[in-house]
């Protein structure tokens, strides 16, 4: 997958493109249907598949006070999209220059600079200055320029229309069975392993402390996860503590991962953590010994759970 960081500055020559357009926060099940439609059409027509999305959330420019915490960091977004077999990813900075484009000017860019043959958008797509233009306008303008526009219908699960807003609410409520079902993949956290106070190591459960990003994290609690370490293809399992660690480090927010059957030096490396299951709330214990016992139980409970899941499950089981 080749990444273009600004369509206004690129010298890349596009030919015969099939383009999926959207903000794609979370790259949920509905987004996947849209993107996969573009990828399949490109293959059918010996073309190239392109995802046109944004390096930042558009609300940062439209109305900063309404900017949501994103489900994914930019790095996580790229990681998930790359797994979908896309040829090109346009990560357009959403700035005032881009926001001020008229609807016609935007489609002209898709025609002249991206050589779009077909465009794929969601049912609630809006674009152009002030977001005034809608999918019906895109169909009309596209037709005048020889571009076919495909509107992908809303995708529903459990009688709910899948959206990034719905998934954010489910994450905040800690409803992780719903979150992963709506996403169509496991909730992903990618982060660099940084030095902590190494207190958990003294308890016999060393943890990888992940550098925090400006994104949406799950509620405080203990989670079961699958983990990959940068530079490795090995799939490992882990127990994740998200919170303030009230027994040992009260008030200090952190994301810590105890990787099962692993005790290597991975400081400075990235780890890829897919949250699979909420296990329990974070709580303060009366003593370090009590904490140690409960952590041991968490590890055993997760080991028992993954024995059932291990057969046939892959890290990118999407």
Protein backbone atom coordinates (compact mmCIF):
# COMPACT_ATOMS: atom_id res chain seq x y z
CA UNK A 1 0.00 0.00 0.00
CA UNK A 2 1.42 3.37 -1.02
CA UNK A 3 0.57 6.39 1.13
CA UNK A 4 -0.05 9.87 -0.29
CA UNK A 5 0.10 12.58 2.37
CA UNK A 6 -1.46 15.45 0.40
CA UNK A 7 -3.26 15.20 -2.92
CA UNK A 8 -2.38 18.85 -3.70
CA UNK A 9 1.37 18.14 -3.57
CA UNK A 10 1.69 14.62 -4.92
CA UNK A 11 3.49 13.80 -8.16
CA UNK A 12 1.97 10.32 -8.19
CA UNK A 13 0.26 9.41 -11.46
CA UNK A 14 -3.05 7.63 -10.85
CA UNK A 15 -4.70 5.55 -13.55
CA UNK A 16 -8.05 3.75 -13.58
CA UNK A 17 -8.87 4.31 -9.90
CA UNK A 18 -11.74 2.96 -7.80
CA UNK A 19 -12.00 5.21 -4.77
CA UNK A 20 -13.56 4.70 -1.33
CA UNK A 21 -14.08 8.03 0.45
CA UNK A 22 -14.79 8.68 4.11
CA UNK A 23 -13.44 9.62 7.52
CA UNK A 24 -13.35 5.90 8.44
CA UNK A 25 -12.78 6.30 12.19
CA UNK A 26 -12.54 2.78 13.59
CA UNK A 27 -12.81 1.20 10.13
CA UNK A 28 -15.90 -0.62 11.36
CA UNK A 29 -17.96 -3.30 9.66
CA UNK A 30 -19.87 -0.75 7.54
CA UNK A 31 -16.64 0.96 6.45
CA UNK A 32 -15.22 -2.42 5.48
CA UNK A 33 -18.17 -3.16 3.19
CA UNK A 34 -17.58 0.14 1.41
CA UNK A 35 -13.81 -0.26 1.10
CA UNK A 36 -14.03 -3.91 0.02
CA UNK A 37 -16.50 -2.93 -2.72
CA UNK A 38 -13.90 -0.53 -4.15
CA UNK A 39 -11.11 -3.13 -3.88
CA UNK A 40 -13.20 -5.78 -5.65
CA UNK A 41 -14.27 -3.42 -8.45
CA UNK A 42 -10.65 -2.39 -9.02
CA UNK A 43 -9.64 -6.05 -9.36
CA UNK A 44 -12.49 -6.75 -11.79
CA UNK A 45 -11.39 -3.86 -14.02
CA UNK A 46 -7.60 -4.20 -13.73
CA UNK A 47 -7.57 -0.89 -11.90
CA UNK A 48 -6.18 0.38 -8.61
CA UNK A 49 -8.02 0.65 -5.32
CA UNK A 50 -7.74 3.93 -3.45
CA UNK A 51 -8.94 4.98 -0.01
CA UNK A 52 -9.35 8.74 0.32
CA UNK A 53 -9.51 9.65 3.99
CA UNK A 54 -8.14 12.26 6.37
CA UNK A 55 -5.02 12.65 8.49
CA UNK A 56 -7.10 14.42 11.15
CA UNK A 57 -10.77 14.45 12.09
CA UNK A 58 -12.70 17.00 9.95
CA UNK A 59 -14.47 18.36 13.05
CA UNK A 60 -11.15 19.85 14.16
CA UNK A 61 -11.68 22.46 11.42
CA UNK A 62 -15.48 22.50 11.16
CA UNK A 63 -16.18 22.86 14.90
CA UNK A 64 -13.30 22.04 17.22
CA UNK A 65 -15.57 21.95 20.28
CA UNK A 66 -17.37 18.95 18.78
CA UNK A 67 -14.27 16.95 17.83
CA UNK A 68 -14.68 13.41 19.19
CA UNK A 69 -11.91 11.29 20.63
CA UNK A 70 -10.96 9.03 17.72
CA UNK A 71 -11.37 5.27 17.96
CA UNK A 72 -7.98 4.80 16.28
CA UNK A 73 -4.74 6.72 16.07
CA UNK A 74 -3.51 7.47 12.57
CA UNK A 75 -0.97 4.66 12.87
CA UNK A 76 -3.69 2.17 13.82
CA UNK A 77 -5.85 3.35 10.94
CA UNK A 78 -3.02 2.75 8.47
CA UNK A 79 -2.31 -0.68 10.00
CA UNK A 80 -5.90 -1.85 9.60
CA UNK A 81 -6.31 -0.42 6.09
CA UNK A 82 -3.08 -2.05 4.91
CA UNK A 83 -4.47 -5.44 5.94
CA UNK A 84 -7.38 -4.90 3.52
CA UNK A 85 -5.30 -5.09 0.35
CA UNK A 86 -5.60 -1.45 -0.74
CA UNK A 87 -3.22 -0.14 -3.41
CA UNK A 88 -3.17 3.55 -2.40
CA UNK A 89 -4.08 5.44 0.76
CA UNK A 90 -4.59 9.18 0.49
CA UNK A 91 -4.26 10.70 3.97
CA UNK A 92 -5.46 14.21 3.20
CA UNK A 93 -4.87 16.90 5.84
CA UNK A 94 -8.31 18.37 6.55
CA UNK A 95 -7.41 22.05 6.75
CA UNK A 96 -9.16 25.28 5.79
CA UNK A 97 -7.95 25.00 2.20
CA UNK A 98 -9.57 21.61 1.84
CA UNK A 99 -12.68 22.53 3.82
CA UNK A 100 -13.30 25.52 1.52
CA UNK A 101 -13.39 23.43 -1.67
CA UNK A 102 -16.74 23.54 -3.41
CA UNK A 103 -18.46 20.27 -4.22
CA UNK A 104 -17.52 20.60 -7.89
CA UNK A 105 -13.87 21.42 -7.08
CA UNK A 106 -13.62 18.31 -4.91
CA UNK A 107 -14.97 16.04 -7.65
CA UNK A 108 -12.64 17.69 -10.16
CA UNK A 109 -9.69 16.65 -7.96
CA UNK A 110 -11.02 13.09 -7.90
CA UNK A 111 -11.30 13.18 -11.70
CA UNK A 112 -8.10 14.99 -12.70
CA UNK A 113 -5.67 14.07 -9.93
CA UNK A 114 -6.90 10.59 -8.98
CA UNK A 115 -8.39 9.48 -12.34
CA UNK A 116 -11.45 8.10 -10.58
CA UNK A 117 -13.60 5.75 -12.65
CA UNK A 118 -15.91 4.90 -9.78
CA UNK A 119 -16.41 6.36 -6.30
CA UNK A 120 -17.77 4.53 -3.26
CA UNK A 121 -19.35 6.46 -0.38
CA UNK A 122 -21.67 5.81 2.54
CA UNK A 123 -25.37 6.63 2.72
CA UNK A 124 -24.72 9.66 4.97
CA UNK A 125 -21.82 11.15 3.00
CA UNK A 126 -21.46 14.94 2.90
CA UNK A 127 -18.78 17.04 1.22
CA UNK A 128 -17.91 20.41 -0.24
CA UNK A 129 -17.81 23.78 1.50
CA UNK A 130 -19.64 23.52 4.81
CA UNK A 131 -20.54 19.89 4.08
CA UNK A 132 -23.62 21.16 2.25
CA UNK A 133 -23.44 18.68 -0.63
CA UNK A 134 -24.77 15.15 -0.12
CA UNK A 135 -24.56 11.82 -1.93
CA UNK A 136 -27.26 12.78 -4.44
CA UNK A 137 -25.17 15.82 -5.40
CA UNK A 138 -22.07 13.64 -5.78
CA UNK A 139 -24.00 11.30 -8.10
CA UNK A 140 -25.13 14.25 -10.21
CA UNK A 141 -21.69 15.91 -10.41
CA UNK A 142 -19.96 12.58 -10.97
CA UNK A 143 -22.27 11.74 -13.86
CA UNK A 144 -21.39 15.05 -15.54
CA UNK A 145 -17.68 14.15 -15.30
CA UNK A 146 -17.99 10.50 -16.31
CA UNK A 147 -17.56 9.07 -12.81
CA UNK A 148 -19.94 6.43 -11.51
CA UNK A 149 -20.91 6.95 -7.86
CA UNK A 150 -21.84 3.94 -5.72
CA UNK A 151 -23.79 4.66 -2.55
CA UNK A 152 -23.32 1.92 0.06
CA UNK A 153 -26.42 1.41 2.19
CA UNK A 154 -26.41 1.53 5.98
CA UNK A 155 -25.18 -1.67 7.62
CA UNK A 156 -27.12 -2.86 10.65
CA UNK A 157 -26.29 -5.31 13.43
CA UNK A 158 -28.76 -6.07 16.22
CA UNK A 159 -31.16 -3.59 14.53
CA UNK A 160 -28.58 -0.82 15.05
CA UNK A 161 -27.11 1.22 12.20
CA UNK A 162 -23.36 0.77 12.57
CA UNK A 163 -21.53 4.08 12.95
CA UNK A 164 -18.41 5.44 14.59
CA UNK A 165 -20.62 7.38 17.02
CA UNK A 166 -22.43 4.19 18.10
CA UNK A 167 -19.11 2.40 18.59
CA UNK A 168 -17.64 5.25 20.66
CA UNK A 169 -20.64 5.05 22.98
CA UNK A 170 -20.26 1.28 23.28
CA UNK A 171 -16.55 1.65 24.07
CA UNK A 172 -17.28 4.22 26.77
CA UNK A 173 -19.83 1.85 28.30
CA UNK A 174 -17.35 -1.03 28.23
CA UNK A 175 -19.62 -3.16 26.02
CA UNK A 176 -16.78 -4.98 24.33
CA UNK A 177 -18.70 -7.86 22.85
CA UNK A 178 -20.76 -5.24 21.00
CA UNK A 179 -17.71 -3.11 20.18
CA UNK A 180 -15.86 -5.95 18.47
CA UNK A 181 -19.00 -7.14 16.68
CA UNK A 182 -19.72 -3.64 15.36
CA UNK A 183 -16.09 -3.07 14.39
CA UNK A 184 -15.84 -6.39 12.59
CA UNK A 185 -12.40 -6.79 14.14
CA UNK A 186 -10.91 -6.59 17.63
CA UNK A 187 -10.44 -3.16 19.22
CA UNK A 188 -6.83 -2.21 18.51
CA UNK A 189 -4.22 -0.37 20.53
CA UNK A 190 -0.75 0.21 19.06
CA UNK A 191 1.83 1.81 21.31
CA UNK A 192 5.51 2.11 22.09
CA UNK A 193 6.71 0.25 25.18
CA UNK A 194 8.12 2.75 27.67
CA UNK A 195 9.81 2.40 31.05
CA UNK A 196 7.54 2.25 34.07
CA UNK A 197 8.25 1.80 37.78
CA UNK A 198 8.69 -1.97 37.34
CA UNK A 199 6.54 -2.67 40.39
CA UNK A 200 4.52 -5.38 38.60
CA UNK A 201 7.76 -7.22 37.82
CA UNK A 202 8.44 -7.50 41.56
CA UNK A 203 5.05 -9.23 41.89
CA UNK A 204 6.02 -11.82 39.29
CA UNK A 205 3.89 -10.32 36.51
CA UNK A 206 6.08 -8.00 34.39
CA UNK A 207 4.11 -5.58 32.25
CA UNK A 208 4.80 -3.61 29.09
CA UNK A 209 3.77 0.00 29.68
CA UNK A 210 2.33 1.58 26.53
CA UNK A 211 2.91 5.24 25.72
CA UNK A 212 -0.49 6.95 25.77
CA UNK A 213 -1.93 8.68 22.70
CA UNK A 214 -4.69 11.23 22.18
CA UNK A 215 -7.40 8.70 21.38
CA UNK A 216 -10.37 6.93 22.94
CA UNK A 217 -9.41 4.25 25.46
CA UNK A 218 -11.72 1.68 27.04
CA UNK A 219 -13.00 2.27 30.58
CA UNK A 220 -10.71 1.42 33.45
CA UNK A 221 -10.55 -2.32 33.94
CA UNK A 222 -8.82 -5.59 33.19
CA UNK A 223 -9.04 -7.01 29.66
CA UNK A 224 -7.97 -10.14 27.85
CA UNK A 225 -6.07 -9.47 24.65
CA UNK A 226 -3.99 -10.83 21.82
CA UNK A 227 -0.55 -9.24 21.42
CA UNK A 228 2.09 -8.95 18.72
CA UNK A 229 5.53 -7.45 19.22
CA UNK A 230 7.10 -5.28 16.53
CA UNK A 231 9.36 -7.36 14.30
CA UNK A 232 7.71 -10.67 15.22
CA UNK A 233 5.00 -12.76 13.60
CA UNK A 234 4.29 -14.67 16.81
CA UNK A 235 0.80 -14.28 18.25
CA UNK A 236 0.82 -14.04 22.02
CA UNK A 237 -1.87 -13.51 24.62
CA UNK A 238 -1.91 -10.90 27.34
CA UNK A 239 -3.81 -9.40 30.24
CA UNK A 240 -4.26 -5.63 29.95
CA UNK A 241 -4.74 -3.20 32.82
CA UNK A 242 -6.23 0.13 31.72
CA UNK A 243 -6.63 2.67 34.49
CA UNK A 244 -4.87 4.33 37.39
CA UNK A 245 -3.56 1.22 39.17
CA UNK A 246 -5.05 2.31 42.52
CA UNK A 247 -3.17 -0.20 44.71
CA UNK A 248 0.36 0.52 43.47
CA UNK A 249 0.34 3.84 41.59
CA UNK A 250 -2.84 5.71 42.53
CA UNK A 251 -3.77 8.54 40.18
CA UNK A 252 -1.27 7.63 37.46
CA UNK A 253 -3.17 6.66 34.32
CA UNK A 254 -1.61 3.87 32.32
CA UNK A 255 -2.09 1.02 29.86
CA UNK A 256 -0.05 -1.98 30.94
CA UNK A 257 0.12 -5.39 29.25
CA UNK A 258 1.28 -8.59 30.93
CA UNK A 259 2.26 -10.80 27.99
CA UNK A 260 1.75 -14.46 28.87
CA UNK A 261 4.84 -16.70 28.85
CA UNK A 262 7.13 -13.82 27.85
CA UNK A 263 9.75 -11.82 29.71
CA UNK A 264 11.92 -10.26 27.00
CA UNK A 265 13.30 -6.72 26.73
CA UNK A 266 11.00 -4.83 24.36
CA UNK A 267 11.55 -1.24 25.51
CA UNK A 268 11.29 1.14 22.56
CA UNK A 269 9.44 -1.39 20.44
CA UNK A 270 5.80 -1.13 19.44
CA UNK A 271 3.26 -3.69 20.50
CA UNK A 272 -0.03 -4.39 18.79
CA UNK A 273 -2.78 -5.18 21.28
CA UNK A 274 -6.21 -6.42 20.24
CA UNK A 275 -8.72 -6.25 23.09
CA UNK A 276 -10.82 -9.39 22.99
CA UNK A 277 -12.71 -9.48 26.29
CA UNK A 278 -13.56 -7.36 29.32
CA UNK A 279 -12.66 -9.39 32.43
CA UNK A 280 -13.33 -7.22 35.47
CA UNK A 281 -13.36 -3.67 36.81
CA UNK A 282 -10.21 -2.12 38.18
CA UNK A 283 -10.31 -1.91 41.96
CA UNK A 284 -8.11 -1.06 44.92
CA UNK A 285 -6.94 -3.96 47.08
CA UNK A 286 -6.11 -3.95 50.76
CA UNK A 287 -2.62 -5.34 50.33
CA UNK A 288 0.02 -6.16 47.73
CA UNK A 289 -0.45 -9.87 48.52
CA UNK A 290 -4.16 -9.61 47.72
CA UNK A 291 -3.35 -7.79 44.47
CA UNK A 292 -0.82 -10.48 43.54
CA UNK A 293 -3.39 -13.22 44.12
CA UNK A 294 -6.03 -11.47 42.01
CA UNK A 295 -3.59 -10.83 39.14
CA UNK A 296 -2.71 -14.53 39.23
CA UNK A 297 -6.41 -15.37 38.97
CA UNK A 298 -6.79 -12.94 36.05
CA UNK A 299 -3.98 -14.70 34.20
CA UNK A 300 -5.46 -18.17 34.89
CA UNK A 301 -8.93 -17.06 33.81
CA UNK A 302 -7.56 -15.65 30.56
CA UNK A 303 -5.47 -18.76 29.91
CA UNK A 304 -8.57 -20.91 30.34
CA UNK A 305 -10.56 -18.69 28.00
CA UNK A 306 -7.97 -18.68 25.22
CA UNK A 307 -7.71 -22.46 25.25
CA UNK A 308 -11.20 -22.44 23.79
CA UNK A 309 -10.46 -19.62 21.33
CA UNK A 310 -6.99 -20.69 20.19
CA UNK A 311 -8.01 -23.13 17.48
CA UNK A 312 -8.62 -21.34 14.22
CA UNK A 313 -8.18 -17.78 15.56
CA UNK A 314 -5.68 -15.51 13.90
CA UNK A 315 -4.38 -12.11 14.99
CA UNK A 316 -6.01 -10.49 11.97
CA UNK A 317 -9.20 -12.50 12.17
CA UNK A 318 -11.38 -9.83 10.62
